[in-house]
Every structure is written in C-alpha cells, then in structure tokens.
PDB file of N, CA and C in Angstrom:
ATOM      1  N   VAL A   1       0.782   7.624  -4.863  1.00  0.00           N
ATOM      2  CA  VAL A   1       0.226   8.356  -5.986  1.00  0.00           C
ATOM      3  C   VAL A   1       0.960   7.915  -7.244  1.00  0.00           C
ATOM      4  N   TYR A   2       0.180   7.686  -8.288  1.00  0.00           N
ATOM      5  CA  TYR A   2       0.787   7.413  -9.586  1.00  0.00           C
ATOM      6  C   TYR A   2      -0.115   7.980 -10.672  1.00  0.00           C
ATOM      7  N   TYR A   3       0.371   8.007 -11.903  1.00  0.00           N
ATOM      8  CA  TYR A   3      -0.303   8.727 -12.970  1.00  0.00           C
ATOM      9  C   TYR A   3      -0.524   7.835 -14.192  1.00  0.00           C
ATOM     10  N   PRO A   4      -1.555   6.990 -14.165  1.00  0.00           N
ATOM     11  CA  PRO A   4      -1.838   6.145 -15.321  1.00  0.00           C
ATOM     12  C   PRO A   4      -2.565   6.924 -16.421  1.00  0.00           C
ATOM     13  N   VAL A   5      -2.569   6.352 -17.609  1.00  0.00           N
ATOM     14  CA  VAL A   5      -3.305   6.909 -18.741  1.00  0.00           C
ATOM     15  C   VAL A   5      -4.523   6.020 -18.962  1.00  0.00           C
ATOM     16  N   TYR A   6      -5.700   6.631 -19.029  1.00  0.00           N
ATOM     17  CA  TYR A   6      -6.945   5.878 -19.179  1.00  0.00           C
ATOM     18  C   TYR A   6      -7.601   6.167 -20.520  1.00  0.00           C
ATOM     19  N   LYS A   7      -7.967   5.090 -21.229  1.00  0.00           N
ATOM     20  CA  LYS A   7      -8.694   5.238 -22.488  1.00  0.00           C
ATOM     21  C   LYS A   7     -10.045   5.905 -22.253  1.00  0.00           C
ATOM     22  N   ARG A   8     -10.695   5.546 -21.134  1.00  0.00           N
ATOM     23  CA  ARG A   8     -12.036   6.087 -20.864  1.00  0.00           C
ATOM     24  C   ARG A   8     -12.027   7.597 -20.611  1.00  0.00           C
ATOM     25  N   PHE A   9     -10.852   8.160 -20.371  1.00  0.00           N
ATOM     26  CA  PHE A   9     -10.712   9.606 -20.220  1.00  0.00           C
ATOM     27  C   PHE A   9      -9.999  10.203 -21.433  1.00  0.00           C
ATOM     28  N   GLY A  10     -10.174   9.573 -22.578  1.00  0.00           N
ATOM     29  CA  GLY A  10      -9.601  10.090 -23.819  1.00  0.00           C
ATOM     30  C   GLY A  10      -8.092  10.003 -23.897  1.00  0.00           C
ATOM     31  N   GLY A  11      -7.503   9.009 -23.223  1.00  0.00           N
ATOM     32  CA  GLY A  11      -6.057   8.845 -23.236  1.00  0.00           C
ATOM     33  C   GLY A  11      -5.336   9.840 -22.345  1.00  0.00           C
ATOM     34  N   GLU A  12      -6.100  10.509 -21.480  1.00  0.00           N
ATOM     35  CA  GLU A  12      -5.520  11.500 -20.576  1.00  0.00           C
ATOM     36  C   GLU A  12      -4.835  10.834 -19.391  1.00  0.00           C
ATOM     37  N   GLN A  13      -3.765  11.445 -18.943  1.00  0.00           N
ATOM     38  CA  GLN A  13      -3.083  10.981 -17.739  1.00  0.00           C
ATOM     39  C   GLN A  13      -3.834  11.538 -16.532  1.00  0.00           C
ATOM     40  N   VAL A  14      -4.129  10.666 -15.565  1.00  0.00           N
ATOM     41  CA  VAL A  14      -4.860  11.094 -14.375  1.00  0.00           C
ATOM     42  C   VAL A  14      -4.055  10.770 -13.124  1.00  0.00           C
ATOM     43  N   LYS A  15      -4.301  11.528 -12.084  1.00  0.00           N
ATOM     44  CA  LYS A  15      -3.647  11.280 -10.797  1.00  0.00           C
ATOM     45  C   LYS A  15      -4.485  10.259 -10.036  1.00  0.00           C
ATOM     46  N   LYS A  16      -3.847   9.182  -9.606  1.00  0.00           N
ATOM     47  CA  LYS A  16      -4.555   8.136  -8.875  1.00  0.00           C
ATOM     48  C   LYS A  16      -3.851   7.919  -7.536  1.00  0.00           C
ATOM     49  N   THR A  17      -4.617   7.980  -6.472  1.00  0.00           N
ATOM     50  CA  THR A  17      -4.092   7.756  -5.132  1.00  0.00           C
ATOM     51  C   THR A  17      -4.614   6.420  -4.631  1.00  0.00           C
ATOM     52  N   VAL A  18      -3.728   5.580  -4.171  1.00  0.00           N
ATOM     53  CA  VAL A  18      -4.101   4.266  -3.662  1.00  0.00           C
ATOM     54  C   VAL A  18      -3.883   4.259  -2.152  1.00  0.00           C
ATOM     55  N   VAL A  19      -4.898   3.831  -1.418  1.00  0.00           N
ATOM     56  CA  VAL A  19      -4.796   3.698   0.031  1.00  0.00           C
ATOM     57  C   VAL A  19      -4.895   2.216   0.353  1.00  0.00           C
ATOM     58  N   ILE A  20      -3.906   1.716   1.071  1.00  0.00           N
ATOM     59  CA  ILE A  20      -3.848   0.291   1.389  1.00  0.00           C
ATOM     60  C   ILE A  20      -3.856   0.132   2.897  1.00  0.00           C
ATOM     61  N   PHE A  21      -4.725  -0.724   3.383  1.00  0.00           N
ATOM     62  CA  PHE A  21      -4.796  -1.001   4.810  1.00  0.00           C
ATOM     63  C   PHE A  21      -4.221  -2.380   5.070  1.00  0.00           C
ATOM     64  N   LEU A  22      -3.319  -2.476   6.020  1.00  0.00           N
ATOM     65  CA  LEU A  22      -2.763  -3.755   6.438  1.00  0.00           C
ATOM     66  C   LEU A  22      -3.209  -3.996   7.868  1.00  0.00           C
ATOM     67  N   ALA A  23      -3.615  -5.224   8.156  1.00  0.00           N
ATOM     68  CA  ALA A  23      -4.083  -5.531   9.509  1.00  0.00           C
ATOM     69  C   ALA A  23      -3.737  -6.963   9.860  1.00  0.00           C
ATOM     70  N   LYS A  24      -3.616  -7.201  11.137  1.00  0.00           N
ATOM     71  CA  LYS A  24      -3.426  -8.555  11.637  1.00  0.00           C
ATOM     72  C   LYS A  24      -4.693  -8.913  12.409  1.00  0.00           C
ATOM     73  N   LEU A  25      -5.326 -10.004  12.023  1.00  0.00           N
ATOM     74  CA  LEU A  25      -6.572 -10.414  12.653  1.00  0.00           C
ATOM     75  C   LEU A  25      -6.304 -11.351  13.814  1.00  0.00           C
ATOM     76  N   LYS A  26      -7.093 -11.215  14.862  1.00  0.00           N
ATOM     77  CA  LYS A  26      -6.972 -12.104  16.014  1.00  0.00           C
ATOM     78  C   LYS A  26      -7.723 -13.409  15.789  1.00  0.00           C
ATOM     79  N   SER A  27      -8.608 -13.425  14.817  1.00  0.00           N
ATOM     80  CA  SER A  27      -9.421 -14.608  14.540  1.00  0.00           C
ATOM     81  C   SER A  27      -9.545 -14.783  13.033  1.00  0.00           C
ATOM     82  N   THR A  28      -9.687 -16.013  12.593  1.00  0.00           N
ATOM     83  CA  THR A  28      -9.895 -16.262  11.164  1.00  0.00           C
ATOM     84  C   THR A  28     -11.378 -16.244  10.812  1.00  0.00           C
ATOM     85  N   ALA A  29     -12.237 -16.101  11.806  1.00  0.00           N
ATOM     86  CA  ALA A  29     -13.687 -16.086  11.585  1.00  0.00           C
ATOM     87  C   ALA A  29     -14.162 -14.662  11.292  1.00  0.00           C
ATOM     88  N   ILE A  30     -13.578 -14.039  10.298  1.00  0.00           N
ATOM     89  CA  ILE A  30     -13.907 -12.664   9.934  1.00  0.00           C
ATOM     90  C   ILE A  30     -14.536 -12.668   8.549  1.00  0.00           C
ATOM     91  N   GLU A  31     -15.615 -11.912   8.400  1.00  0.00           N
ATOM     92  CA  GLU A  31     -16.255 -11.783   7.098  1.00  0.00           C
ATOM     93  C   GLU A  31     -16.059 -10.348   6.615  1.00  0.00           C
ATOM     94  N   VAL A  32     -15.526 -10.198   5.433  1.00  0.00           N
ATOM     95  CA  VAL A  32     -15.251  -8.873   4.883  1.00  0.00           C
ATOM     96  C   VAL A  32     -16.426  -8.446   4.013  1.00  0.00           C
ATOM     97  N   HIS A  33     -16.928  -7.238   4.251  1.00  0.00           N
ATOM     98  CA  HIS A  33     -18.009  -6.668   3.443  1.00  0.00           C
ATOM     99  C   HIS A  33     -17.463  -5.433   2.743  1.00  0.00           C
ATOM    100  N   ILE A  34     -17.404  -5.488   1.428  1.00  0.00           N
ATOM    101  CA  ILE A  34     -16.880  -4.347   0.683  1.00  0.00           C
ATOM    102  C   ILE A  34     -18.002  -3.358   0.399  1.00  0.00           C
ATOM    103  N   SER A  35     -17.648  -2.089   0.315  1.00  0.00           N
ATOM    104  CA  SER A  35     -18.661  -1.075   0.037  1.00  0.00           C
ATOM    105  C   SER A  35     -18.339  -0.257  -1.211  1.00  0.00           C
ATOM    106  N   GLU A  36     -17.101  -0.258  -1.653  1.00  0.00           N
ATOM    107  CA  GLU A  36     -16.728   0.597  -2.776  1.00  0.00           C
ATOM    108  C   GLU A  36     -16.115  -0.141  -3.950  1.00  0.00           C
ATOM    109  N   HIS A  37     -15.140  -0.944  -3.689  1.00  0.00           N
ATOM    110  CA  HIS A  37     -14.284  -1.476  -4.749  1.00  0.00           C
ATOM    111  C   HIS A  37     -14.563  -2.957  -4.982  1.00  0.00           C
ATOM    112  N   PRO A  38     -15.242  -3.288  -6.076  1.00  0.00           N
ATOM    113  CA  PRO A  38     -15.573  -4.698  -6.320  1.00  0.00           C
ATOM    114  C   PRO A  38     -14.354  -5.567  -6.633  1.00  0.00           C
ATOM    115  N   GLY A  39     -13.205  -4.971  -6.914  1.00  0.00           N
ATOM    116  CA  GLY A  39     -12.017  -5.741  -7.257  1.00  0.00           C
ATOM    117  C   GLY A  39     -11.078  -5.974  -6.090  1.00  0.00           C
ATOM    118  N   PHE A  40     -11.599  -5.887  -4.852  1.00  0.00           N
ATOM    119  CA  PHE A  40     -10.715  -6.062  -3.698  1.00  0.00           C
ATOM    120  C   PHE A  40     -10.176  -7.487  -3.658  1.00  0.00           C
ATOM    121  N   GLN A  41      -9.100  -7.674  -2.929  1.00  0.00           N
ATOM    122  CA  GLN A  41      -8.506  -9.001  -2.801  1.00  0.00           C
ATOM    123  C   GLN A  41      -8.081  -9.206  -1.362  1.00  0.00           C
ATOM    124  N   TRP A  42      -8.529 -10.291  -0.760  1.00  0.00           N
ATOM    125  CA  TRP A  42      -8.143 -10.661   0.601  1.00  0.00           C
ATOM    126  C   TRP A  42      -7.009 -11.656   0.463  1.00  0.00           C
ATOM    127  N   VAL A  43      -5.833 -11.330   0.993  1.00  0.00           N
ATOM    128  CA  VAL A  43      -4.650 -12.156   0.775  1.00  0.00           C
ATOM    129  C   VAL A  43      -4.086 -12.611   2.108  1.00  0.00           C
ATOM    130  N   ASN A  44      -3.875 -13.921   2.254  1.00  0.00           N
ATOM    131  CA  ASN A  44      -3.197 -14.432   3.441  1.00  0.00           C
ATOM    132  C   ASN A  44      -1.722 -14.062   3.360  1.00  0.00           C
ATOM    133  N   TRP A  45      -1.152 -13.681   4.486  1.00  0.00           N
ATOM    134  CA  TRP A  45       0.253 -13.291   4.527  1.00  0.00           C
ATOM    135  C   TRP A  45       1.122 -14.525   4.347  1.00  0.00           C
ATOM    136  N   SER A  46       2.142 -14.406   3.531  1.00  0.00           N
ATOM    137  CA  SER A  46       3.111 -15.488   3.374  1.00  0.00           C
ATOM    138  C   SER A  46       4.503 -14.879   3.463  1.00  0.00           C
ATOM    139  N   SER A  47       5.462 -15.706   3.757  1.00  0.00           N
ATOM    140  CA  SER A  47       6.820 -15.217   3.908  1.00  0.00           C
ATOM    141  C   SER A  47       7.749 -16.084   3.067  1.00  0.00           C
ATOM    142  N   PRO A  48       8.376 -15.557   2.038  1.00  0.00           N
ATOM    143  CA  PRO A  48       8.284 -14.184   1.560  1.00  0.00           C
ATOM    144  C   PRO A  48       6.938 -13.925   0.878  1.00  0.00           C
ATOM    145  N   PRO A  49       6.569 -12.655   0.741  1.00  0.00           N
ATOM    146  CA  PRO A  49       5.284 -12.316   0.136  1.00  0.00           C
ATOM    147  C   PRO A  49       5.200 -12.753  -1.322  1.00  0.00           C
ATOM    148  N   VAL A  50       4.001 -13.120  -1.737  1.00  0.00           N
ATOM    149  CA  VAL A  50       3.771 -13.485  -3.137  1.00  0.00           C
ATOM    150  C   VAL A  50       3.498 -12.213  -3.941  1.00  0.00           C
ATOM    151  N   PRO A  51       3.869 -12.186  -5.213  1.00  0.00           N
ATOM    152  CA  PRO A  51       3.584 -11.006  -6.040  1.00  0.00           C
ATOM    153  C   PRO A  51       2.070 -10.793  -6.175  1.00  0.00           C
ATOM    154  N   ILE A  52       1.653  -9.535  -6.057  1.00  0.00           N
ATOM    155  CA  ILE A  52       0.236  -9.200  -6.197  1.00  0.00           C
ATOM    156  C   ILE A  52       0.049  -8.253  -7.375  1.00  0.00           C
ATOM    157  N   GLU A  53       0.733  -7.102  -7.336  1.00  0.00           N
ATOM    158  CA  GLU A  53       0.622  -6.113  -8.402  1.00  0.00           C
ATOM    159  C   GLU A  53       1.874  -5.244  -8.361  1.00  0.00           C
ATOM    160  N   ALA A  54       2.667  -5.317  -9.396  1.00  0.00           N
ATOM    161  CA  ALA A  54       4.008  -4.724  -9.398  1.00  0.00           C
ATOM    162  C   ALA A  54       4.031  -3.203  -9.246  1.00  0.00           C
ATOM    163  N   LYS A  55       3.087  -2.486  -9.835  1.00  0.00           N
ATOM    164  CA  LYS A  55       3.155  -1.022  -9.839  1.00  0.00           C
ATOM    165  C   LYS A  55       2.829  -0.391  -8.491  1.00  0.00           C
ATOM    166  N   THR A  56       1.946  -1.015  -7.706  1.00  0.00           N
ATOM    167  CA  THR A  56       1.496  -0.333  -6.492  1.00  0.00           C
ATOM    168  C   THR A  56       1.640  -1.138  -5.210  1.00  0.00           C
ATOM    169  N   ILE A  57       1.448  -2.429  -5.251  1.00  0.00           N
ATOM    170  CA  ILE A  57       1.340  -3.218  -4.023  1.00  0.00           C
ATOM    171  C   ILE A  57       2.648  -3.898  -3.626  1.00  0.00           C
ATOM    172  N   ASP A  58       3.325  -4.512  -4.568  1.00  0.00           N
ATOM    173  CA  ASP A  58       4.471  -5.373  -4.246  1.00  0.00           C
ATOM    174  C   ASP A  58       5.574  -4.658  -3.468  1.00  0.00           C
ATOM    175  N   LYS A  59       5.892  -3.430  -3.838  1.00  0.00           N
ATOM    176  CA  LYS A  59       6.955  -2.699  -3.127  1.00  0.00           C
ATOM    177  C   LYS A  59       6.577  -2.486  -1.667  1.00  0.00           C
ATOM    178  N   LEU A  60       5.326  -2.117  -1.430  1.00  0.00           N
ATOM    179  CA  LEU A  60       4.860  -1.900  -0.061  1.00  0.00           C
ATOM    180  C   LEU A  60       4.892  -3.195   0.740  1.00  0.00           C
ATOM    181  N   VAL A  61       4.373  -4.264   0.174  1.00  0.00           N
ATOM    182  CA  VAL A  61       4.324  -5.544   0.882  1.00  0.00           C
ATOM    183  C   VAL A  61       5.737  -6.037   1.193  1.00  0.00           C
ATOM    184  N   ASN A  62       6.668  -5.840   0.283  1.00  0.00           N
ATOM    185  CA  ASN A  62       8.053  -6.243   0.542  1.00  0.00           C
ATOM    186  C   ASN A  62       8.673  -5.426   1.674  1.00  0.00           C
ATOM    187  N   LYS A  63       8.366  -4.136   1.739  1.00  0.00           N
ATOM    188  CA  LYS A  63       8.865  -3.296   2.840  1.00  0.00           C
ATOM    189  C   LYS A  63       8.265  -3.742   4.172  1.00  0.00           C
ATOM    190  N   VAL A  64       6.987  -4.088   4.179  1.00  0.00           N
ATOM    191  CA  VAL A  64       6.345  -4.592   5.400  1.00  0.00           C
ATOM    192  C   VAL A  64       7.004  -5.900   5.819  1.00  0.00           C
ATOM    193  N   HIS A  65       7.275  -6.763   4.862  1.00  0.00           N
ATOM    194  CA  HIS A  65       7.949  -8.035   5.151  1.00  0.00           C
ATOM    195  C   HIS A  65       9.319  -7.778   5.789  1.00  0.00           C
ATOM    196  N   GLU A  66      10.094  -6.848   5.217  1.00  0.00           N
ATOM    197  CA  GLU A  66      11.405  -6.502   5.789  1.00  0.00           C
ATOM    198  C   GLU A  66      11.251  -6.006   7.226  1.00  0.00           C
ATOM    199  N   TYR A  67      10.276  -5.139   7.454  1.00  0.00           N
ATOM    200  CA  TYR A  67      10.046  -4.590   8.792  1.00  0.00           C
ATOM    201  C   TYR A  67       9.685  -5.693   9.787  1.00  0.00           C
ATOM    202  N   LEU A  68       8.770  -6.563   9.403  1.00  0.00           N
ATOM    203  CA  LEU A  68       8.348  -7.638  10.305  1.00  0.00           C
ATOM    204  C   LEU A  68       9.485  -8.613  10.582  1.00  0.00           C
ATOM    205  N   THR A  69      10.317  -8.880   9.577  1.00  0.00           N
ATOM    206  CA  THR A  69      11.458  -9.774   9.754  1.00  0.00           C
ATOM    207  C   THR A  69      12.469  -9.153  10.715  1.00  0.00           C
ATOM    208  N   GLN A  70      12.751  -7.858  10.565  1.00  0.00           N
ATOM    209  CA  GLN A  70      13.678  -7.160  11.464  1.00  0.00           C
ATOM    210  C   GLN A  70      13.130  -7.110  12.881  1.00  0.00           C
ATOM    211  N   SER A  71      11.830  -6.893  13.029  1.00  0.00           N
ATOM    212  CA  SER A  71      11.205  -6.817  14.355  1.00  0.00           C
ATOM    213  C   SER A  71      11.336  -8.132  15.106  1.00  0.00           C
ATOM    214  N   LYS A  72      11.250  -9.254  14.393  1.00  0.00           N
ATOM    215  CA  LYS A  72      11.389 -10.574  15.023  1.00  0.00           C
ATOM    216  C   LYS A  72      12.821 -10.807  15.492  1.00  0.00           C
ATOM    217  N   ASP A  73      13.789 -10.267  14.740  1.00  0.00           N
ATOM    218  CA  ASP A  73      15.203 -10.479  15.054  1.00  0.00           C
ATOM    219  C   ASP A  73      15.678  -9.638  16.237  1.00  0.00           C
ATOM    220  N   GLU A  74      14.971  -8.575  16.560  1.00  0.00           N
ATOM    221  CA  GLU A  74      15.422  -7.663  17.629  1.00  0.00           C
ATOM    222  C   GLU A  74      14.994  -8.136  18.993  1.00  0.00           C
TER     223      GLU A  74
END
C-alpha cells in the first residue's frame, strides 16, 4: 500500500494497493492475456534483478532474489 497524489483527483492523496504475482513457468510457450491493466510488463528473471520500478517493485524483487539465493545455498 502506498499513497500517491493524483492530478486527476484534484491533487488528492489516494490509497493505492498493488498486488504482484510471481511465478515460475515450466514452459516458455506461454501466452499472457491481460484483462485489466494495459501497462503490464512480462519480465524474464535475471540474477541480480534488473531495476523495474523503485517505489513498488524493486524492493520486493530484491527480497525474492535474496530468498532464492539463500534457498540454493541450503
């Protein structure tokens, strides 16, 4: 959850909730069909992760990277 200010809402601060799904695909022959958000982005995983969006995504992706790296070491 974060609270951006939007011009389209008269400069009002609004509550915005972001839901992010992470998945590992068994095949690369997958076609993604979006239904809601035209600005979606399909990103191949890299190690270390590439920056995507500092306010909402990067912190999560870095934590996932740390978790996956620790899981491999155990």
